[in-house]
Protein backbone atom coordinates (compact mmCIF):
# COMPACT_ATOMS: atom_id res chain seq x y z
CA MET A 1 12.89 37.35 -2.78
CA ILE A 2 13.94 33.70 -3.11
CA SER A 3 17.69 33.18 -3.30
CA SER A 4 19.36 31.15 -6.05
CA SER A 5 20.29 28.35 -3.64
CA SER A 6 16.70 28.21 -2.32
CA LYS A 7 15.33 27.90 -5.86
CA LYS A 8 17.60 24.92 -6.48
CA GLY A 9 16.10 23.24 -3.45
CA LEU A 10 12.53 23.57 -4.70
CA LEU A 11 10.76 20.42 -5.86
CA PRO A 12 7.64 20.02 -8.02
CA ALA A 13 4.30 19.82 -6.24
CA GLY A 14 3.64 16.41 -4.75
CA LEU A 15 7.32 15.41 -4.63
CA SER A 16 9.59 15.49 -1.59
CA ASP A 17 12.94 14.34 -0.24
CA ILE A 18 12.85 11.64 2.40
CA LEU A 19 15.65 12.34 4.85
CA TYR A 20 17.16 10.61 7.86
CA PRO A 21 15.72 9.06 10.00
CA ASP A 22 12.57 8.69 7.86
CA ALA A 23 14.49 7.12 4.97
CA ARG A 24 15.95 4.52 7.33
CA ILE A 25 12.53 3.81 8.84
CA GLN A 26 11.07 3.31 5.38
CA ALA A 27 13.86 0.94 4.30
CA LYS A 28 13.52 -1.14 7.48
CA THR A 29 9.74 -1.15 7.11
CA ILE A 30 9.91 -2.45 3.54
CA GLU A 31 12.38 -5.15 4.55
CA ASN A 32 10.16 -6.38 7.40
CA LEU A 33 6.97 -6.36 5.31
CA LEU A 34 8.59 -8.37 2.52
CA ASP A 35 10.07 -10.84 5.01
CA VAL A 36 6.57 -11.65 6.25
CA PHE A 37 5.29 -12.16 2.70
CA SER A 38 8.29 -14.43 2.04
CA ASN A 39 7.45 -16.47 5.15
CA TYR A 40 4.08 -17.27 3.57
CA GLY A 41 5.51 -18.34 0.22
CA TYR A 42 5.28 -15.08 -1.74
CA MET A 43 8.15 -14.86 -4.25
CA ARG A 44 9.66 -11.41 -4.67
CA VAL A 45 9.80 -9.87 -8.14
CA LYS A 46 11.17 -6.51 -9.26
CA PRO A 47 9.61 -4.99 -12.39
CA PRO A 48 11.20 -1.98 -14.14
CA LEU A 49 10.24 1.62 -13.41
CA VAL A 50 9.42 2.29 -17.09
CA GLU A 51 7.72 0.14 -19.71
CA TYR A 52 6.33 0.52 -23.20
CA GLU A 53 3.05 2.39 -23.00
CA ASP A 54 1.11 -0.11 -25.09
CA SER A 55 2.06 -3.01 -22.80
CA LEU A 56 1.82 -1.30 -19.41
CA LEU A 57 -1.52 0.37 -20.13
CA SER A 58 -3.24 -2.40 -22.09
CA ASP A 59 -5.77 -4.89 -20.72
CA GLY A 60 -6.11 -5.82 -17.07
CA PRO A 61 -5.32 -3.34 -14.26
CA GLY A 62 -3.24 -1.14 -16.58
CA ALA A 63 -6.24 -0.24 -18.74
CA VAL A 64 -7.66 2.13 -16.10
CA LEU A 65 -4.36 3.81 -15.20
CA LYS A 66 -3.95 5.91 -18.35
CA ASP A 67 -5.06 9.21 -16.82
CA SER A 68 -2.67 8.88 -13.86
CA THR A 69 0.43 7.88 -15.84
CA PHE A 70 3.38 9.98 -17.06
CA ARG A 71 4.64 9.29 -20.59
CA ILE A 72 8.09 9.79 -22.10
CA MET A 73 9.63 9.12 -25.50
CA ASP A 74 12.32 6.42 -25.60
CA PRO A 75 15.22 7.98 -27.57
CA LEU A 76 16.48 4.51 -28.57
CA SER A 77 13.34 2.85 -29.91
CA GLN A 78 11.36 6.04 -30.64
CA ARG A 79 8.42 4.40 -28.89
CA MET A 80 6.27 5.93 -26.17
CA MET A 81 7.04 4.68 -22.71
CA ALA A 82 5.09 5.00 -19.46
CA LEU A 83 6.33 5.46 -15.89
CA ARG A 84 4.43 3.09 -13.68
CA SER A 85 1.71 4.61 -11.53
CA ASP A 86 0.81 1.28 -9.90
CA VAL A 87 2.88 -1.90 -9.57
CA THR A 88 -0.13 -4.25 -9.76
CA ALA A 89 -0.39 -3.71 -13.52
CA GLN A 90 3.18 -4.95 -13.88
CA ILE A 91 2.58 -7.99 -11.68
CA SER A 92 -0.41 -8.76 -13.89
CA ARG A 93 1.87 -8.66 -16.96
CA ILE A 94 4.58 -10.80 -15.34
CA ALA A 95 2.09 -13.43 -14.17
CA SER A 96 0.42 -13.53 -17.59
CA THR A 97 3.64 -13.81 -19.62
CA ARG A 98 6.98 -14.70 -18.05
CA LEU A 99 5.48 -16.73 -15.19
CA SER A 100 2.49 -18.16 -17.04
CA HIS A 101 4.07 -21.63 -16.95
CA LEU A 102 4.17 -21.80 -13.14
CA PRO A 103 1.41 -23.68 -11.29
CA ARG A 104 -1.46 -21.78 -9.69
CA PRO A 105 -2.08 -20.35 -7.21
CA LEU A 106 0.96 -18.14 -7.84
CA ARG A 107 2.17 -15.95 -4.96
CA LEU A 108 4.25 -12.84 -5.75
CA SER A 109 5.44 -9.88 -3.68
CA TYR A 110 7.11 -6.61 -4.60
CA SER A 111 8.22 -3.15 -3.54
CA GLY A 112 8.91 -0.08 -5.61
CA ASP A 113 8.21 3.59 -6.22
CA VAL A 114 5.34 4.74 -8.41
CA LEU A 115 4.76 8.18 -9.94
CA ARG A 116 1.34 9.65 -10.66
CA VAL A 117 0.23 12.70 -12.60
CA LYS A 118 -1.49 14.02 -9.49
CA GLY A 119 -2.18 12.98 -5.91
CA ASP A 120 -5.58 12.04 -4.60
CA SER A 121 -7.95 13.53 -2.06
CA PHE A 122 -6.35 11.49 0.71
CA ASN A 123 -2.69 12.09 -0.17
CA ALA A 124 -1.22 14.92 -2.25
CA GLU A 125 2.08 13.06 -2.78
CA ARG A 126 2.62 12.01 -6.40
CA GLN A 127 5.58 9.71 -5.79
CA LYS A 128 4.77 6.82 -3.46
CA THR A 129 6.50 3.65 -2.36
CA GLN A 130 4.31 0.59 -2.67
CA VAL A 131 4.82 -2.76 -0.99
CA GLY A 132 2.42 -5.50 -1.87
CA ALA A 133 1.51 -9.09 -2.54
CA GLU A 134 -0.55 -10.71 -5.27
CA LEU A 135 -2.16 -14.14 -5.25
CA ILE A 136 -3.04 -15.32 -8.75
CA GLY A 137 -5.39 -18.26 -8.97
CA PRO A 138 -9.02 -19.42 -9.06
CA LYS A 139 -11.52 -17.14 -7.35
CA SER A 140 -12.03 -18.32 -3.79
CA GLU A 141 -12.97 -16.90 -0.40
CA LEU A 142 -9.82 -18.65 0.89
CA ILE A 143 -7.61 -16.67 -1.49
CA ASP A 144 -9.23 -13.36 -0.60
CA SER A 145 -8.98 -14.19 3.10
CA GLU A 146 -5.33 -15.25 2.84
CA ILE A 147 -4.27 -11.93 1.34
CA ILE A 148 -6.06 -9.99 4.08
CA LEU A 149 -4.63 -12.16 6.87
CA VAL A 150 -1.04 -12.19 5.56
CA CYS A 151 -1.16 -8.45 4.95
CA SER A 152 -2.38 -7.93 8.51
CA GLN A 153 0.48 -10.09 9.80
CA SER A 154 2.96 -7.96 7.88
CA LEU A 155 1.57 -4.81 9.48
CA LYS A 156 1.89 -6.35 12.93
CA SER A 157 5.55 -7.11 12.17
CA ILE A 158 6.22 -3.35 12.12
CA ASN A 159 4.25 -2.81 15.33
CA ILE A 160 1.05 -1.51 13.76
CA ARG A 161 -1.87 -2.34 16.02
CA ASN A 162 -5.62 -1.74 16.24
CA ILE A 163 -6.16 -2.80 12.64
CA THR A 164 -9.58 -2.47 11.02
CA VAL A 165 -10.38 -4.14 7.71
CA ASP A 166 -13.24 -2.53 5.78
CA LEU A 167 -14.78 -4.98 3.29
CA ASN A 168 -16.53 -3.83 0.12
CA LEU A 169 -18.41 -5.15 -2.91
CA PRO A 170 -17.95 -2.23 -5.36
CA PHE A 171 -19.23 -4.16 -8.37
CA LEU A 172 -22.71 -3.99 -6.82
CA ARG A 173 -22.82 -0.27 -7.43
CA ASP A 174 -22.13 -0.78 -11.13
CA LEU A 175 -24.80 -3.45 -11.20
CA PHE A 176 -27.42 -1.25 -9.55
CA LEU A 177 -26.67 1.80 -11.72
CA ASP A 178 -26.38 0.01 -15.05
CA GLY A 179 -28.32 1.80 -17.79
CA ILE A 180 -28.83 5.03 -15.85
CA GLU A 181 -28.06 8.27 -17.72
CA ASN A 182 -24.58 9.65 -16.88
CA SER A 183 -25.57 12.98 -15.33
CA LEU A 184 -28.05 11.26 -12.99
CA LYS A 185 -25.54 8.49 -12.27
CA GLU A 186 -22.98 11.11 -11.19
CA LYS A 187 -25.44 12.60 -8.68
CA ILE A 188 -26.29 9.16 -7.35
CA ASN A 189 -22.63 8.24 -6.94
CA GLU A 190 -21.90 11.47 -5.07
CA ALA A 191 -24.80 10.81 -2.70
CA ILE A 192 -23.70 7.22 -2.08
CA ASP A 193 -20.14 8.40 -1.36
CA ARG A 194 -21.52 10.84 1.22
CA LYS A 195 -23.89 8.18 2.62
CA ASP A 196 -26.63 10.76 1.93
CA SER A 197 -29.83 8.73 1.87
CA GLN A 198 -32.03 11.84 1.92
CA THR A 199 -30.63 13.11 -1.37
CA LEU A 200 -30.93 9.65 -2.90
CA LYS A 201 -34.62 9.52 -2.02
CA LYS A 202 -35.17 12.74 -3.96
CA LEU A 203 -33.64 11.21 -7.10
CA LYS A 204 -35.99 8.97 -9.02
CA PHE A 205 -34.27 5.88 -10.43
CA ASN A 206 -34.48 2.11 -10.49
CA ASN A 207 -32.94 0.09 -7.65
CA LEU A 208 -33.24 2.96 -5.14
CA ASP A 209 -34.74 0.70 -2.47
CA ILE A 210 -32.04 -1.98 -2.67
CA ILE A 211 -29.28 0.65 -2.65
CA LEU A 212 -30.70 2.19 0.52
CA LYS A 213 -30.92 -1.24 2.14
CA PHE A 214 -27.28 -2.03 1.34
CA MET A 215 -26.22 1.38 2.62
CA GLU A 216 -27.92 0.62 5.94
CA CYS A 217 -25.56 -2.36 6.33
CA THR A 218 -22.51 -0.08 6.52
CA GLY A 219 -20.58 -0.15 9.78
CA ASN A 220 -19.43 -2.74 12.32
CA TYR A 221 -19.57 -6.20 10.77
CA GLU A 222 -21.78 -7.69 13.48
CA ASN A 223 -24.55 -5.16 12.88
CA GLY A 224 -23.90 -5.23 9.15
CA ILE A 225 -24.17 -9.00 8.94
CA LYS A 226 -27.45 -8.94 10.84
CA LYS A 227 -28.95 -6.40 8.44
CA LEU A 228 -27.53 -8.19 5.39
CA SER A 229 -28.99 -11.50 6.55
CA GLU A 230 -32.43 -9.93 6.82
CA LEU A 231 -32.43 -8.90 3.14
CA LYS A 232 -34.33 -11.14 0.75
CA LEU A 233 -31.83 -11.65 -2.04
CA ASP A 234 -31.35 -14.00 -4.95
CA GLY A 235 -28.99 -14.53 -7.85
CA ILE A 236 -25.76 -12.54 -7.86
CA LEU A 237 -26.79 -10.51 -4.80
CA LEU A 238 -27.29 -13.66 -2.73
CA GLU A 239 -23.95 -15.04 -3.96
CA ALA A 240 -22.19 -11.79 -3.04
CA ARG A 241 -23.66 -11.77 0.46
CA GLU A 242 -22.76 -15.41 1.13
CA TYR A 243 -19.24 -14.87 -0.20
CA LEU A 244 -18.75 -11.86 2.07
CA LEU A 245 -19.98 -13.79 5.11
CA LYS A 246 -17.57 -16.66 4.38
CA VAL A 247 -14.60 -14.27 4.15
CA ILE A 248 -15.55 -12.63 7.44
CA ASN A 249 -15.82 -16.01 9.16
CA ILE A 250 -12.42 -17.14 7.86
CA ILE A 251 -10.73 -13.94 8.99
CA LYS A 252 -12.26 -14.10 12.46
CA GLU A 253 -11.42 -17.80 12.86
CA ASN A 254 -7.76 -17.08 12.08
CA ASP A 255 -7.25 -13.73 13.80
CA SER A 256 -9.86 -12.49 16.23
CA SER A 257 -7.82 -9.32 16.93
CA ILE A 258 -8.69 -7.87 13.52
CA ASN A 259 -11.60 -5.45 13.62
CA ILE A 260 -13.94 -5.79 10.65
CA SER A 261 -16.37 -3.29 9.18
CA ILE A 262 -18.38 -3.52 5.97
CA ASP A 263 -19.31 -0.88 3.43
CA PRO A 264 -20.86 -2.85 0.55
CA LEU A 265 -21.18 -0.01 -1.97
CA GLU A 266 -17.81 1.72 -1.40
CA ASN A 267 -15.91 1.89 -4.70
CA ARG A 268 -13.47 4.81 -4.38
CA GLY A 269 -9.95 3.73 -5.30
CA PHE A 270 -11.09 0.43 -6.82
CA LYS A 271 -11.00 1.27 -10.52
CA TYR A 272 -9.88 -2.10 -11.87
CA HIS A 273 -11.25 -4.44 -9.22
CA THR A 274 -13.97 -6.94 -10.09
CA GLY A 275 -14.92 -8.65 -6.83
CA LEU A 276 -14.42 -8.30 -3.08
CA THR A 277 -12.22 -5.37 -2.08
CA PHE A 278 -10.85 -4.11 1.21
CA THR A 279 -9.23 -1.13 2.89
CA ILE A 280 -7.15 -1.38 6.06
CA PHE A 281 -6.98 1.34 8.69
CA SER A 282 -5.19 1.68 12.01
CA GLU A 283 -5.88 4.00 14.93
CA MET A 284 -2.17 4.89 14.74
CA PHE A 285 -2.57 6.69 11.39
CA LYS A 286 -4.94 9.05 9.67
CA GLY A 287 -6.59 7.57 6.62
CA GLU A 288 -6.08 4.25 4.86
CA ILE A 289 -2.78 2.37 4.98
CA VAL A 290 -3.66 -0.54 2.65
CA LYS A 291 -5.96 -1.10 -0.30
CA GLY A 292 -6.60 -4.39 -2.03
CA GLY A 293 -9.04 -6.75 -3.63
CA SER A 294 -9.72 -9.09 -6.51
CA TYR A 295 -9.25 -8.28 -10.20
CA ASN A 296 -8.54 -9.90 -13.56
CA THR A 297 -4.97 -10.08 -14.86
CA LEU A 298 -3.78 -9.26 -18.36
CA SER A 299 -4.61 -12.82 -19.45
CA GLY A 300 -7.99 -12.86 -17.71
CA GLU A 301 -6.99 -14.89 -14.66
CA THR A 302 -8.54 -13.96 -11.35
CA ALA A 303 -6.19 -12.55 -8.73
CA THR A 304 -6.31 -10.86 -5.34
CA GLY A 305 -3.72 -8.42 -4.07
CA CYS A 306 -2.89 -5.78 -1.51
CA THR A 307 -0.90 -2.57 -1.71
CA ILE A 308 0.66 -1.06 1.42
CA TYR A 309 1.39 2.67 1.33
CA THR A 310 4.65 2.99 3.26
CA GLU A 311 4.75 6.81 3.23
CA LYS A 312 2.23 6.60 6.06
CA PHE A 313 4.94 5.21 8.31
CA HIS A 314 7.37 8.16 8.21
CA ASN A 315 6.86 9.14 11.81
CA SER A 316 7.66 8.05 15.33
CA SER A 317 4.76 5.57 15.47
CA VAL A 318 6.93 3.09 13.57
CA SER A 319 10.51 3.08 14.84
CA TYR A 320 13.55 0.83 14.92
CA ASN A 321 16.49 0.63 17.27
CA GLN A 322 19.51 2.57 16.09
CA ASN A 323 22.95 1.37 17.20
CA ASP A 324 24.82 3.85 19.39
CA LEU A 325 27.47 5.76 17.48
CA VAL A 326 31.16 5.40 18.32
CA TYR A 327 33.46 8.17 17.12
CA MET A 328 36.76 6.86 15.72
CA PRO A 329 39.25 9.74 15.27
CA TYR A 330 40.99 8.07 12.30
CA LEU A 331 40.16 5.77 9.41
CA ASN A 332 40.85 2.16 10.36
CA MET A 333 38.51 -0.46 8.93
CA MET A 334 39.85 -3.38 11.00
CA GLU A 335 39.33 -1.58 14.30
CA ALA A 336 35.96 -0.29 13.14
CA ASP A 337 34.89 -3.86 12.31
CA LYS A 338 35.65 -4.92 15.89
CA VAL A 339 33.44 -2.11 17.23
CA ILE A 340 30.61 -2.89 14.82
CA LYS A 341 30.66 -6.56 15.84
CA LYS A 342 29.99 -5.42 19.41
CA GLY A 343 26.69 -3.88 18.29
CA PHE A 344 27.75 -0.28 17.64
CA SER A 345 27.92 1.93 14.56
CA VAL A 346 31.12 3.82 13.71
CA VAL A 347 31.74 7.36 12.48
CA PHE A 348 35.26 8.24 11.34
CA GLY A 349 36.73 11.58 12.33
CA SER A 350 38.22 14.26 10.12
CA GLU A 351 42.00 14.63 9.87
CA LEU A 352 41.49 18.38 9.88
CA ASN A 353 39.84 18.31 13.29
CA ASN A 354 42.17 18.48 16.28
CA ASN A 355 39.40 18.30 18.86
CA SER A 356 38.04 14.75 18.76
CA ASP A 357 35.64 15.15 21.67
CA LYS A 358 34.06 18.24 20.13
CA GLU A 359 33.62 16.65 16.70
CA ALA A 360 32.23 13.47 18.27
CA THR A 361 29.64 15.55 20.12
CA GLU A 362 28.71 17.45 16.95
CA LEU A 363 28.23 14.13 15.13
CA LYS A 364 25.88 12.97 17.91
CA CYS A 365 28.16 10.13 19.02
CA LYS A 366 27.67 8.69 22.50
CA TYR A 367 31.09 7.04 22.62
CA ILE A 368 34.63 7.62 21.40
CA TRP A 369 37.35 5.12 20.50
CA LYS A 370 40.43 5.77 22.64
CA ASN A 371 43.37 3.47 23.20
CA ASN A 372 41.53 0.50 21.67
CA THR A 373 38.65 1.03 24.10
CA ILE A 374 35.08 2.31 23.73
CA VAL A 375 34.78 5.26 26.09
CA LYS A 376 31.52 7.04 26.91
CA LEU A 377 31.58 10.74 26.12
CA LYS A 378 30.94 13.25 28.88
CA TYR A 379 28.59 16.03 27.78
């Protein structure tokens, strides 16, 4: 039987408390990531947690977020409001309205929590903390490459190594499957997701051959490029291939340490994207740590962005130095300030406790303040 106090500690599915030291790690991580974006000219903005439903979920990225968004009624205006499930939709609104007068390209960065109706197959958490950057301006391989390179630099700033960027062209799948009946399209999509060429061959539909050829290009970029270059393409397919090759070359010229793979037909998680997309992985973590790509804003401008999922970093793989704790038996801010300036953190003692050494040990302090001196505790 669950006790009353235990029931009060229960949280809804997909929601959790972040405690010390994970909360501290997350805060430090966010600070470092945003500092890197700032170093490259990305201006920080902070949109609200809740907006009117008809503005948050209108055109642009917000249009495809309706099924993942919580709604509430605003008791003041009696209008429906929506809790953001993705910050990119808000950046799209800000760029298209309040910052529409600024010259392009426009560089913005952000951090904030999002809440979704349900988690996904990769992460059951419904509340997530996103950190990201958006570059609004004319479509260009330089813009797409910049976002990928700056995002990679931000990850390195928090000691994430062995980064792999997986590049995708998800719009090709829509192009190849245009006009196909929905039930057949669903089977085709499932087979492509599984990289199941045998099942695809059993399904009779147009563009089967070209889909199989693009699927064969999946993997390490060197092998993928070779296979892509052998394909006889024209029109939009030729443009897409050449664009992808240019982005790869720019990335490699600027940072040869980044591993690159390609998966041309991958489209999972790219609901509102319209061009090149990417996913970033690291050997340090299971699953993706970044998603990004190009899309159209609320006003129809092209933009490229990245979203970093910081909940991945709540473990010992990403850590920061913690100042040693000094136990001060009494409350004295002036003396505590002297200790802090020497590179320590201070914990004040309780007046009710007559055993300072014992309380200092219980509070995990390494030192104690005695006679205006920092003294190491003996355990």
